[in-house]
Amino acid sequence: MKNFLYKMIINSATDYGYQNCLKYVCDKASILDVGIGNGVMMDHFHRLIKDKGLHITGIDINKNYLQHCAGNIRQFNLENHVTIHCQPVETFDPPQEARFDYIFFTMSFMLFKNQSLVLDRVHEWLKPNGEILFFQTVFTEKAPLIEFIKPKLKFVTTIDFGKVTYEDQFLGLLQSKNLSVTENRLIKREWFKGEYRMTVASFS
């Protein structure tokens, strides 16, 4: 049931997010996907992952989602391209001191209570010149209705939608962590003046 709700509600954002992020990265890139979820993106992008020779390390804290994700890995023969770990980013240690070309936060960064801590941790895992890709719904104007509704959706759908992301606060956080934004691409305008955006940043 949870996976059904996940697909119904998150599928559109997931498709937009991974379509743009996976096309952006270079061939043979190593990627840490923070919040890989149930791996539904593999339905549409397994060929792209193979064609570009990507290696994705996915982490998540939801065992049910990861079980479904493991099934997708087997179904699309991605065992040499995708590995998964059930662990929060706050305590995750990359295997064998791995370093990544890219770190993805695809609709996951808004879920973290201490976003500053998360950025401090992932800083250590990037290769020199590595980049962080954020895909999320961003608001440029105050949205009190969305602020009220978002936290309550978890009780109806079992899915945590996190907090509302305001562009000025988000970019201010990146700046405070010495992250330089190299791209801030509008992908699609959404309801209530929200915008799907892909933001690419690297440490100065």
N, C-alpha and C. Protein backbone atom coordinates (compact mmCIF):
# COMPACT_ATOMS: atom_id res chain seq x y z
N MET A 1 0.83 -1.20 0.00
CA MET A 1 0.00 0.00 0.00
C MET A 1 0.86 1.26 0.00
N LYS A 2 1.93 1.26 0.81
CA LYS A 2 2.80 2.42 0.87
C LYS A 2 3.46 2.67 -0.48
N ASN A 3 3.91 1.60 -1.14
CA ASN A 3 4.54 1.77 -2.44
C ASN A 3 3.55 2.27 -3.48
N PHE A 4 2.27 1.85 -3.38
CA PHE A 4 1.24 2.34 -4.29
C PHE A 4 1.04 3.84 -4.11
N LEU A 5 0.94 4.29 -2.84
CA LEU A 5 0.77 5.71 -2.56
C LEU A 5 2.00 6.49 -3.01
N TYR A 6 3.16 5.91 -2.80
CA TYR A 6 4.41 6.56 -3.20
C TYR A 6 4.40 6.82 -4.70
N LYS A 7 4.01 5.81 -5.46
CA LYS A 7 3.99 5.96 -6.91
C LYS A 7 2.97 7.00 -7.36
N MET A 8 1.78 6.97 -6.74
CA MET A 8 0.70 7.87 -7.13
C MET A 8 1.06 9.33 -6.85
N ILE A 9 1.70 9.59 -5.72
CA ILE A 9 1.90 10.97 -5.28
C ILE A 9 3.27 11.50 -5.68
N ILE A 10 4.31 10.67 -5.60
CA ILE A 10 5.67 11.13 -5.80
C ILE A 10 6.18 10.89 -7.22
N ASN A 11 5.49 10.05 -8.00
CA ASN A 11 6.01 9.58 -9.27
C ASN A 11 6.39 10.71 -10.23
N SER A 12 5.53 11.73 -10.33
CA SER A 12 5.78 12.82 -11.26
C SER A 12 7.06 13.57 -10.88
N ALA A 13 7.19 13.94 -9.61
CA ALA A 13 8.38 14.66 -9.17
C ALA A 13 9.62 13.79 -9.32
N THR A 14 9.49 12.50 -9.02
CA THR A 14 10.61 11.58 -9.15
C THR A 14 11.11 11.53 -10.59
N ASP A 15 10.18 11.42 -11.53
CA ASP A 15 10.55 11.35 -12.95
C ASP A 15 11.29 12.61 -13.38
N TYR A 16 10.74 13.76 -13.05
CA TYR A 16 11.39 15.02 -13.41
C TYR A 16 12.78 15.12 -12.77
N GLY A 17 12.84 14.73 -11.50
CA GLY A 17 14.10 14.84 -10.78
C GLY A 17 15.20 13.98 -11.37
N TYR A 18 14.94 12.69 -11.52
CA TYR A 18 15.98 11.79 -12.02
C TYR A 18 16.27 12.01 -13.50
N GLN A 19 15.27 12.38 -14.26
CA GLN A 19 15.51 12.66 -15.67
C GLN A 19 16.55 13.76 -15.83
N ASN A 20 16.41 14.82 -15.07
CA ASN A 20 17.34 15.94 -15.18
C ASN A 20 18.68 15.64 -14.52
N CYS A 21 18.65 15.03 -13.34
CA CYS A 21 19.90 14.75 -12.62
C CYS A 21 20.76 13.71 -13.34
N LEU A 22 20.15 12.63 -13.82
CA LEU A 22 20.92 11.58 -14.48
C LEU A 22 21.47 12.05 -15.83
N LYS A 23 20.73 12.90 -16.52
CA LYS A 23 21.24 13.43 -17.78
C LYS A 23 22.38 14.40 -17.55
N TYR A 24 22.37 15.08 -16.41
CA TYR A 24 23.40 16.08 -16.11
C TYR A 24 24.76 15.45 -15.84
N VAL A 25 24.81 14.31 -15.17
CA VAL A 25 26.08 13.74 -14.71
C VAL A 25 26.89 13.19 -15.87
N CYS A 26 28.20 13.11 -15.67
CA CYS A 26 29.07 12.58 -16.71
C CYS A 26 29.05 11.05 -16.72
N ASP A 27 29.49 10.47 -17.81
CA ASP A 27 29.56 9.02 -17.93
C ASP A 27 30.50 8.45 -16.86
N LYS A 28 30.16 7.25 -16.42
CA LYS A 28 30.95 6.48 -15.44
C LYS A 28 31.07 7.19 -14.09
N ALA A 29 30.14 8.05 -13.80
CA ALA A 29 30.17 8.79 -12.53
C ALA A 29 29.79 7.90 -11.36
N SER A 30 30.37 8.20 -10.19
CA SER A 30 29.95 7.57 -8.95
C SER A 30 29.02 8.55 -8.23
N ILE A 31 27.87 8.05 -7.79
CA ILE A 31 26.80 8.89 -7.27
C ILE A 31 26.33 8.36 -5.93
N LEU A 32 26.17 9.24 -4.97
CA LEU A 32 25.48 8.90 -3.73
C LEU A 32 24.08 9.47 -3.82
N ASP A 33 23.08 8.61 -3.78
CA ASP A 33 21.68 9.03 -3.85
C ASP A 33 21.11 8.99 -2.44
N VAL A 34 20.96 10.17 -1.82
CA VAL A 34 20.47 10.26 -0.45
C VAL A 34 18.94 10.28 -0.47
N GLY A 35 18.36 9.16 -0.04
CA GLY A 35 16.91 9.01 -0.07
C GLY A 35 16.45 8.37 -1.37
N ILE A 36 17.04 7.25 -1.71
CA ILE A 36 16.71 6.58 -2.98
C ILE A 36 15.30 6.03 -2.99
N GLY A 37 14.71 5.84 -1.79
CA GLY A 37 13.33 5.38 -1.71
C GLY A 37 13.14 3.99 -2.27
N ASN A 38 12.03 3.79 -3.00
CA ASN A 38 11.72 2.45 -3.50
C ASN A 38 12.30 2.17 -4.88
N GLY A 39 13.15 3.09 -5.36
CA GLY A 39 13.81 2.85 -6.64
C GLY A 39 12.90 2.86 -7.83
N VAL A 40 11.77 3.56 -7.72
CA VAL A 40 10.82 3.59 -8.83
C VAL A 40 11.42 4.23 -10.07
N MET A 41 12.45 5.05 -9.89
CA MET A 41 13.07 5.71 -11.04
C MET A 41 13.70 4.70 -12.00
N MET A 42 14.02 3.50 -11.50
CA MET A 42 14.63 2.49 -12.37
C MET A 42 13.68 2.01 -13.46
N ASP A 43 12.39 2.13 -13.21
CA ASP A 43 11.41 1.74 -14.23
C ASP A 43 11.68 2.47 -15.54
N HIS A 44 11.99 3.76 -15.45
CA HIS A 44 12.15 4.58 -16.64
C HIS A 44 13.60 4.83 -17.03
N PHE A 45 14.52 4.70 -16.07
CA PHE A 45 15.89 5.16 -16.34
C PHE A 45 16.95 4.07 -16.24
N HIS A 46 16.54 2.79 -16.22
CA HIS A 46 17.54 1.72 -16.12
C HIS A 46 18.46 1.69 -17.34
N ARG A 47 17.91 1.99 -18.51
CA ARG A 47 18.75 2.00 -19.72
C ARG A 47 19.78 3.13 -19.66
N LEU A 48 19.34 4.29 -19.19
CA LEU A 48 20.24 5.44 -19.09
C LEU A 48 21.37 5.15 -18.10
N ILE A 49 21.04 4.53 -16.98
CA ILE A 49 22.04 4.18 -15.99
C ILE A 49 23.09 3.24 -16.59
N LYS A 50 22.63 2.26 -17.34
CA LYS A 50 23.56 1.31 -17.97
C LYS A 50 24.37 1.97 -19.08
N ASP A 51 23.69 2.74 -19.93
CA ASP A 51 24.37 3.36 -21.07
C ASP A 51 25.47 4.32 -20.62
N LYS A 52 25.25 5.01 -19.51
CA LYS A 52 26.25 5.96 -19.02
C LYS A 52 27.27 5.30 -18.08
N GLY A 53 27.06 4.02 -17.77
CA GLY A 53 28.01 3.30 -16.92
C GLY A 53 28.09 3.88 -15.52
N LEU A 54 26.95 4.26 -14.96
CA LEU A 54 26.93 4.90 -13.65
C LEU A 54 27.00 3.88 -12.53
N HIS A 55 27.56 4.30 -11.40
CA HIS A 55 27.46 3.49 -10.19
C HIS A 55 26.81 4.34 -9.12
N ILE A 56 25.66 3.87 -8.65
CA ILE A 56 24.86 4.62 -7.68
C ILE A 56 24.84 3.87 -6.36
N THR A 57 25.23 4.57 -5.30
CA THR A 57 25.08 4.07 -3.94
C THR A 57 23.86 4.77 -3.35
N GLY A 58 22.83 4.00 -3.05
CA GLY A 58 21.60 4.59 -2.54
C GLY A 58 21.43 4.30 -1.06
N ILE A 59 21.03 5.33 -0.30
CA ILE A 59 20.74 5.13 1.12
C ILE A 59 19.34 5.62 1.42
N ASP A 60 18.72 4.96 2.38
CA ASP A 60 17.38 5.34 2.82
C ASP A 60 17.15 4.71 4.20
N ILE A 61 16.14 5.21 4.90
CA ILE A 61 15.86 4.67 6.24
C ILE A 61 14.61 3.81 6.26
N ASN A 62 13.90 3.72 5.11
CA ASN A 62 12.66 2.97 5.06
C ASN A 62 12.92 1.56 4.50
N LYS A 63 12.83 0.57 5.36
CA LYS A 63 13.12 -0.81 4.95
C LYS A 63 12.15 -1.32 3.88
N ASN A 64 10.88 -0.93 3.99
CA ASN A 64 9.89 -1.37 3.00
C ASN A 64 10.22 -0.82 1.62
N TYR A 65 10.59 0.47 1.55
CA TYR A 65 10.96 1.06 0.28
C TYR A 65 12.20 0.37 -0.29
N LEU A 66 13.19 0.11 0.57
CA LEU A 66 14.43 -0.50 0.09
C LEU A 66 14.22 -1.94 -0.38
N GLN A 67 13.28 -2.63 0.23
CA GLN A 67 12.96 -3.98 -0.23
C GLN A 67 12.42 -3.93 -1.66
N HIS A 68 11.55 -2.97 -1.90
CA HIS A 68 11.02 -2.78 -3.26
C HIS A 68 12.13 -2.34 -4.22
N CYS A 69 13.02 -1.49 -3.73
CA CYS A 69 14.16 -1.01 -4.52
C CYS A 69 15.05 -2.19 -4.92
N ALA A 70 15.30 -3.10 -4.00
CA ALA A 70 16.12 -4.27 -4.30
C ALA A 70 15.49 -5.12 -5.39
N GLY A 71 14.16 -5.21 -5.38
CA GLY A 71 13.46 -5.93 -6.43
C GLY A 71 13.65 -5.28 -7.79
N ASN A 72 13.64 -3.95 -7.83
CA ASN A 72 13.87 -3.24 -9.10
C ASN A 72 15.30 -3.45 -9.59
N ILE A 73 16.24 -3.46 -8.67
CA ILE A 73 17.63 -3.71 -9.06
C ILE A 73 17.76 -5.07 -9.75
N ARG A 74 17.13 -6.08 -9.17
CA ARG A 74 17.17 -7.43 -9.76
C ARG A 74 16.41 -7.46 -11.08
N GLN A 75 15.24 -6.85 -11.11
CA GLN A 75 14.40 -6.89 -12.31
C GLN A 75 15.11 -6.30 -13.54
N PHE A 76 15.83 -5.22 -13.32
CA PHE A 76 16.47 -4.54 -14.45
C PHE A 76 17.97 -4.84 -14.54
N ASN A 77 18.42 -5.86 -13.82
CA ASN A 77 19.82 -6.32 -13.89
C ASN A 77 20.81 -5.18 -13.64
N LEU A 78 20.57 -4.48 -12.55
CA LEU A 78 21.40 -3.33 -12.20
C LEU A 78 22.35 -3.62 -11.03
N GLU A 79 22.58 -4.88 -10.77
CA GLU A 79 23.43 -5.24 -9.63
C GLU A 79 24.83 -4.63 -9.72
N ASN A 80 25.34 -4.42 -10.92
CA ASN A 80 26.67 -3.84 -11.10
C ASN A 80 26.63 -2.31 -11.13
N HIS A 81 25.45 -1.75 -11.00
CA HIS A 81 25.30 -0.30 -11.11
C HIS A 81 24.71 0.35 -9.86
N VAL A 82 23.92 -0.39 -9.09
CA VAL A 82 23.23 0.21 -7.94
C VAL A 82 23.41 -0.67 -6.71
N THR A 83 23.88 -0.08 -5.62
CA THR A 83 23.93 -0.76 -4.33
C THR A 83 23.16 0.09 -3.32
N ILE A 84 22.55 -0.56 -2.36
CA ILE A 84 21.71 0.17 -1.41
C ILE A 84 22.08 -0.18 0.03
N HIS A 85 21.83 0.80 0.93
CA HIS A 85 22.12 0.65 2.35
C HIS A 85 20.96 1.24 3.14
N CYS A 86 20.54 0.52 4.16
CA CYS A 86 19.48 1.03 5.05
C CYS A 86 20.15 1.78 6.20
N GLN A 87 20.36 3.06 5.99
CA GLN A 87 21.05 3.86 6.99
C GLN A 87 20.77 5.34 6.74
N PRO A 88 20.60 6.12 7.80
CA PRO A 88 20.39 7.56 7.62
C PRO A 88 21.69 8.26 7.23
N VAL A 89 21.56 9.35 6.50
CA VAL A 89 22.74 10.09 6.07
C VAL A 89 23.52 10.62 7.26
N GLU A 90 22.83 10.85 8.38
CA GLU A 90 23.49 11.40 9.56
C GLU A 90 24.51 10.45 10.18
N THR A 91 24.38 9.14 9.92
CA THR A 91 25.31 8.16 10.49
C THR A 91 25.99 7.29 9.43
N PHE A 92 25.69 7.54 8.17
CA PHE A 92 26.23 6.72 7.10
C PHE A 92 27.74 6.92 6.95
N ASP A 93 28.45 5.83 6.73
CA ASP A 93 29.88 5.87 6.40
C ASP A 93 30.06 5.20 5.05
N PRO A 94 30.51 5.93 4.05
CA PRO A 94 30.70 5.32 2.73
C PRO A 94 31.62 4.12 2.80
N PRO A 95 31.29 3.03 2.12
CA PRO A 95 32.11 1.82 2.17
C PRO A 95 33.50 2.06 1.58
N GLN A 96 34.49 1.55 2.24
CA GLN A 96 35.88 1.57 1.78
C GLN A 96 36.32 2.99 1.42
N GLU A 97 35.92 3.92 2.25
CA GLU A 97 36.32 5.32 2.05
C GLU A 97 36.00 5.81 0.64
N ALA A 98 34.84 5.41 0.14
CA ALA A 98 34.42 5.82 -1.21
C ALA A 98 34.23 7.32 -1.27
N ARG A 99 34.55 7.89 -2.42
CA ARG A 99 34.28 9.28 -2.68
C ARG A 99 33.42 9.37 -3.95
N PHE A 100 32.59 10.39 -4.00
CA PHE A 100 31.59 10.46 -5.06
C PHE A 100 31.80 11.68 -5.95
N ASP A 101 31.47 11.50 -7.23
CA ASP A 101 31.49 12.62 -8.17
C ASP A 101 30.28 13.53 -7.94
N TYR A 102 29.16 12.90 -7.58
CA TYR A 102 27.92 13.65 -7.37
C TYR A 102 27.17 13.09 -6.16
N ILE A 103 26.47 13.96 -5.48
CA ILE A 103 25.55 13.55 -4.43
C ILE A 103 24.18 14.09 -4.78
N PHE A 104 23.18 13.20 -4.84
CA PHE A 104 21.81 13.57 -5.18
C PHE A 104 20.96 13.74 -3.93
N PHE A 105 20.19 14.81 -3.90
CA PHE A 105 19.07 14.96 -2.97
C PHE A 105 17.84 15.18 -3.85
N THR A 106 17.20 14.10 -4.24
CA THR A 106 16.05 14.20 -5.14
C THR A 106 14.78 14.10 -4.31
N MET A 107 14.20 15.26 -4.01
CA MET A 107 13.00 15.38 -3.16
C MET A 107 13.25 14.82 -1.76
N SER A 108 14.49 14.90 -1.29
CA SER A 108 14.79 14.37 0.05
C SER A 108 15.35 15.42 1.00
N PHE A 109 15.95 16.49 0.46
CA PHE A 109 16.62 17.44 1.34
C PHE A 109 15.64 18.12 2.30
N MET A 110 14.40 18.30 1.86
CA MET A 110 13.38 18.95 2.68
C MET A 110 12.97 18.11 3.89
N LEU A 111 13.38 16.84 3.92
CA LEU A 111 12.98 15.95 5.02
C LEU A 111 13.88 16.06 6.24
N PHE A 112 15.06 16.67 6.08
CA PHE A 112 16.03 16.66 7.17
C PHE A 112 15.79 17.80 8.15
N LYS A 113 15.76 17.45 9.43
CA LYS A 113 15.56 18.46 10.47
C LYS A 113 16.80 19.34 10.61
N ASN A 114 17.99 18.73 10.49
CA ASN A 114 19.23 19.49 10.61
C ASN A 114 19.95 19.46 9.26
N GLN A 115 19.53 20.34 8.37
CA GLN A 115 20.10 20.36 7.02
C GLN A 115 21.56 20.80 7.04
N SER A 116 21.90 21.65 7.99
CA SER A 116 23.28 22.11 8.10
C SER A 116 24.23 20.95 8.41
N LEU A 117 23.82 20.09 9.32
CA LEU A 117 24.62 18.91 9.67
C LEU A 117 24.78 17.99 8.47
N VAL A 118 23.72 17.79 7.72
CA VAL A 118 23.77 16.91 6.54
C VAL A 118 24.78 17.44 5.53
N LEU A 119 24.79 18.74 5.29
CA LEU A 119 25.75 19.31 4.35
C LEU A 119 27.18 19.17 4.86
N ASP A 120 27.37 19.31 6.16
CA ASP A 120 28.71 19.11 6.74
C ASP A 120 29.19 17.67 6.50
N ARG A 121 28.30 16.72 6.65
CA ARG A 121 28.69 15.31 6.51
C ARG A 121 29.02 14.98 5.05
N VAL A 122 28.16 15.39 4.12
CA VAL A 122 28.39 14.99 2.73
C VAL A 122 29.60 15.69 2.13
N HIS A 123 30.00 16.81 2.72
CA HIS A 123 31.18 17.52 2.24
C HIS A 123 32.39 16.59 2.20
N GLU A 124 32.51 15.73 3.20
CA GLU A 124 33.66 14.83 3.32
C GLU A 124 33.67 13.74 2.25
N TRP A 125 32.52 13.51 1.63
CA TRP A 125 32.40 12.36 0.73
C TRP A 125 32.54 12.71 -0.74
N LEU A 126 32.64 13.99 -1.05
CA LEU A 126 32.77 14.40 -2.44
C LEU A 126 34.23 14.36 -2.90
N LYS A 127 34.42 13.97 -4.13
CA LYS A 127 35.73 14.09 -4.75
C LYS A 127 36.03 15.57 -5.00
N PRO A 128 37.30 15.91 -5.19
CA PRO A 128 37.59 17.29 -5.61
C PRO A 128 36.78 17.64 -6.86
N ASN A 129 36.19 18.81 -6.87
CA ASN A 129 35.34 19.27 -7.97
C ASN A 129 34.02 18.51 -8.05
N GLY A 130 33.71 17.71 -7.02
CA GLY A 130 32.41 17.04 -6.99
C GLY A 130 31.27 18.03 -6.79
N GLU A 131 30.07 17.59 -7.15
CA GLU A 131 28.92 18.48 -7.11
C GLU A 131 27.75 17.84 -6.37
N ILE A 132 26.94 18.69 -5.76
CA ILE A 132 25.70 18.24 -5.13
C ILE A 132 24.54 18.71 -6.00
N LEU A 133 23.63 17.79 -6.29
CA LEU A 133 22.45 18.09 -7.09
C LEU A 133 21.21 18.00 -6.20
N PHE A 134 20.52 19.12 -6.07
CA PHE A 134 19.27 19.16 -5.32
C PHE A 134 18.12 19.27 -6.31
N PHE A 135 17.15 18.38 -6.19
CA PHE A 135 15.90 18.54 -6.95
C PHE A 135 14.78 18.60 -5.92
N GLN A 136 13.99 19.69 -5.98
CA GLN A 136 12.97 19.88 -4.96
C GLN A 136 11.94 20.91 -5.44
N THR A 137 10.83 20.95 -4.71
CA THR A 137 9.83 21.99 -4.93
C THR A 137 10.21 23.20 -4.11
N VAL A 138 10.35 24.34 -4.79
CA VAL A 138 10.82 25.56 -4.15
C VAL A 138 9.76 26.64 -4.29
N PHE A 139 9.64 27.45 -3.25
CA PHE A 139 8.71 28.58 -3.27
C PHE A 139 9.50 29.87 -3.14
N THR A 140 9.14 30.85 -3.95
CA THR A 140 9.78 32.16 -3.88
C THR A 140 8.97 33.14 -3.05
N GLU A 141 7.70 32.81 -2.80
CA GLU A 141 6.83 33.65 -1.98
C GLU A 141 6.29 32.83 -0.81
N LYS A 142 5.92 33.52 0.25
CA LYS A 142 5.37 32.87 1.43
C LYS A 142 4.13 32.06 1.05
N ALA A 143 4.06 30.81 1.56
CA ALA A 143 2.94 29.91 1.23
C ALA A 143 2.39 29.32 2.52
N PRO A 144 1.63 30.12 3.31
CA PRO A 144 1.13 29.64 4.60
C PRO A 144 0.21 28.43 4.49
N LEU A 145 -0.57 28.33 3.41
CA LEU A 145 -1.45 27.18 3.25
C LEU A 145 -0.64 25.89 3.10
N ILE A 146 0.41 25.94 2.30
CA ILE A 146 1.26 24.77 2.10
C ILE A 146 1.99 24.43 3.40
N GLU A 147 2.42 25.44 4.14
CA GLU A 147 3.06 25.20 5.43
C GLU A 147 2.13 24.46 6.38
N PHE A 148 0.84 24.78 6.31
CA PHE A 148 -0.15 24.15 7.19
C PHE A 148 -0.46 22.72 6.74
N ILE A 149 -0.58 22.53 5.43
CA ILE A 149 -1.03 21.23 4.90
C ILE A 149 0.09 20.19 4.92
N LYS A 150 1.30 20.58 4.54
CA LYS A 150 2.36 19.62 4.28
C LYS A 150 2.63 18.66 5.44
N PRO A 151 2.79 19.14 6.67
CA PRO A 151 3.08 18.21 7.76
C PRO A 151 1.95 17.22 8.03
N LYS A 152 0.73 17.59 7.68
CA LYS A 152 -0.43 16.74 7.98
C LYS A 152 -0.63 15.64 6.94
N LEU A 153 0.00 15.78 5.77
CA LEU A 153 -0.17 14.77 4.73
C LEU A 153 0.39 13.42 5.15
N LYS A 154 1.35 13.43 6.06
CA LYS A 154 1.95 12.17 6.51
C LYS A 154 0.92 11.26 7.17
N PHE A 155 -0.05 11.87 7.87
CA PHE A 155 -1.04 11.07 8.58
C PHE A 155 -2.09 10.48 7.63
N VAL A 156 -2.23 11.09 6.45
CA VAL A 156 -3.20 10.62 5.47
C VAL A 156 -2.57 9.63 4.50
N THR A 157 -1.33 9.92 4.08
CA THR A 157 -0.69 9.14 3.02
C THR A 157 0.41 8.20 3.51
N THR A 158 0.86 8.36 4.76
CA THR A 158 2.01 7.67 5.36
C THR A 158 3.33 8.16 4.78
N ILE A 159 3.31 9.17 3.91
CA ILE A 159 4.51 9.69 3.28
C ILE A 159 4.88 11.01 3.92
N ASP A 160 6.14 11.15 4.32
CA ASP A 160 6.62 12.39 4.91
C ASP A 160 7.05 13.34 3.79
N PHE A 161 6.38 14.48 3.69
CA PHE A 161 6.69 15.46 2.66
C PHE A 161 7.64 16.55 3.16
N GLY A 162 8.06 16.47 4.41
CA GLY A 162 9.01 17.43 4.92
C GLY A 162 8.43 18.82 5.05
N LYS A 163 9.34 19.79 5.10
CA LYS A 163 8.91 21.17 5.29
C LYS A 163 8.98 21.94 3.98
N VAL A 164 8.30 23.08 3.96
CA VAL A 164 8.30 23.93 2.78
C VAL A 164 9.69 24.53 2.58
N THR A 165 10.17 24.52 1.33
CA THR A 165 11.48 25.07 1.01
C THR A 165 11.30 26.42 0.32
N TYR A 166 11.83 27.45 0.97
CA TYR A 166 11.81 28.79 0.38
C TYR A 166 13.18 29.07 -0.23
N GLU A 167 13.16 29.59 -1.44
CA GLU A 167 14.39 29.74 -2.21
C GLU A 167 15.43 30.59 -1.49
N ASP A 168 15.02 31.72 -0.91
CA ASP A 168 16.00 32.60 -0.28
C ASP A 168 16.67 31.93 0.92
N GLN A 169 15.88 31.18 1.71
CA GLN A 169 16.45 30.48 2.87
C GLN A 169 17.39 29.36 2.43
N PHE A 170 16.97 28.62 1.40
CA PHE A 170 17.77 27.51 0.89
C PHE A 170 19.11 28.01 0.35
N LEU A 171 19.06 29.03 -0.50
CA LEU A 171 20.30 29.56 -1.06
C LEU A 171 21.17 30.19 0.02
N GLY A 172 20.55 30.78 1.02
CA GLY A 172 21.31 31.33 2.14
C GLY A 172 22.04 30.25 2.91
N LEU A 173 21.39 29.09 3.09
CA LEU A 173 22.03 27.97 3.77
C LEU A 173 23.24 27.49 2.97
N LEU A 174 23.09 27.35 1.67
CA LEU A 174 24.21 26.91 0.83
C LEU A 174 25.38 27.89 0.94
N GLN A 175 25.07 29.15 0.89
CA GLN A 175 26.13 30.16 0.98
C GLN A 175 26.86 30.08 2.32
N SER A 176 26.10 29.85 3.38
CA SER A 176 26.71 29.76 4.71
C SER A 176 27.64 28.56 4.84
N LYS A 177 27.46 27.57 3.99
CA LYS A 177 28.29 26.37 4.00
C LYS A 177 29.37 26.40 2.92
N ASN A 178 29.60 27.58 2.37
CA ASN A 178 30.61 27.75 1.32
C ASN A 178 30.32 26.91 0.09
N LEU A 179 29.04 26.77 -0.21
CA LEU A 179 28.61 26.08 -1.42
C LEU A 179 28.26 27.13 -2.48
N SER A 180 28.92 27.02 -3.62
CA SER A 180 28.65 27.94 -4.73
C SER A 180 27.67 27.30 -5.70
N VAL A 181 26.62 28.00 -6.02
CA VAL A 181 25.60 27.50 -6.95
C VAL A 181 26.08 27.75 -8.37
N THR A 182 26.22 26.69 -9.13
CA THR A 182 26.65 26.80 -10.52
C THR A 182 25.49 26.72 -11.49
N GLU A 183 24.36 26.22 -11.03
CA GLU A 183 23.17 26.15 -11.87
C GLU A 183 21.94 26.09 -10.96
N ASN A 184 20.91 26.83 -11.33
CA ASN A 184 19.65 26.83 -10.58
C ASN A 184 18.53 26.82 -11.61
N ARG A 185 18.22 25.64 -12.09
CA ARG A 185 17.37 25.49 -13.28
C ARG A 185 15.91 25.27 -12.91
N LEU A 186 15.04 26.10 -13.48
CA LEU A 186 13.60 25.89 -13.35
C LEU A 186 13.19 24.75 -14.26
N ILE A 187 12.58 23.71 -13.68
CA ILE A 187 12.16 22.55 -14.46
C ILE A 187 10.68 22.63 -14.82
N LYS A 188 9.85 23.01 -13.84
CA LYS A 188 8.40 23.04 -14.09
C LYS A 188 7.73 23.86 -12.99
N ARG A 189 6.77 24.66 -13.37
CA ARG A 189 5.98 25.40 -12.39
C ARG A 189 4.86 24.51 -11.87
N GLU A 190 4.63 24.57 -10.56
CA GLU A 190 3.64 23.72 -9.92
C GLU A 190 2.53 24.56 -9.30
N TRP A 191 1.59 23.88 -8.63
CA TRP A 191 0.48 24.55 -7.98
C TRP A 191 0.97 25.48 -6.87
N PHE A 192 0.13 26.44 -6.53
CA PHE A 192 0.39 27.36 -5.41
C PHE A 192 1.74 28.08 -5.56
N LYS A 193 2.13 28.33 -6.83
CA LYS A 193 3.36 29.07 -7.15
C LYS A 193 4.63 28.32 -6.74
N GLY A 194 4.52 27.02 -6.57
CA GLY A 194 5.71 26.22 -6.35
C GLY A 194 6.43 25.94 -7.66
N GLU A 195 7.71 25.65 -7.59
CA GLU A 195 8.51 25.38 -8.77
C GLU A 195 9.39 24.15 -8.54
N TYR A 196 9.40 23.24 -9.50
CA TYR A 196 10.40 22.18 -9.49
C TYR A 196 11.71 22.81 -9.95
N ARG A 197 12.75 22.69 -9.14
CA ARG A 197 14.05 23.25 -9.50
C ARG A 197 15.16 22.23 -9.28
N MET A 198 16.12 22.24 -10.18
CA MET A 198 17.35 21.50 -9.98
C MET A 198 18.46 22.52 -9.70
N THR A 199 19.06 22.40 -8.54
CA THR A 199 20.12 23.31 -8.13
C THR A 199 21.42 22.52 -8.01
N VAL A 200 22.45 22.98 -8.69
CA VAL A 200 23.75 22.33 -8.66
C VAL A 200 24.71 23.22 -7.88
N ALA A 201 25.41 22.62 -6.92
CA ALA A 201 26.31 23.39 -6.07
C ALA A 201 27.60 22.62 -5.80
N SER A 202 28.66 23.35 -5.57
CA SER A 202 29.95 22.72 -5.23
C SER A 202 30.60 23.54 -4.12
N PHE A 203 31.44 22.89 -3.34
CA PHE A 203 32.12 23.58 -2.25
C PHE A 203 33.24 24.45 -2.77
N SER A 204 33.29 25.65 -2.26
CA SER A 204 34.32 26.62 -2.70
C SER A 204 35.70 26.20 -2.20
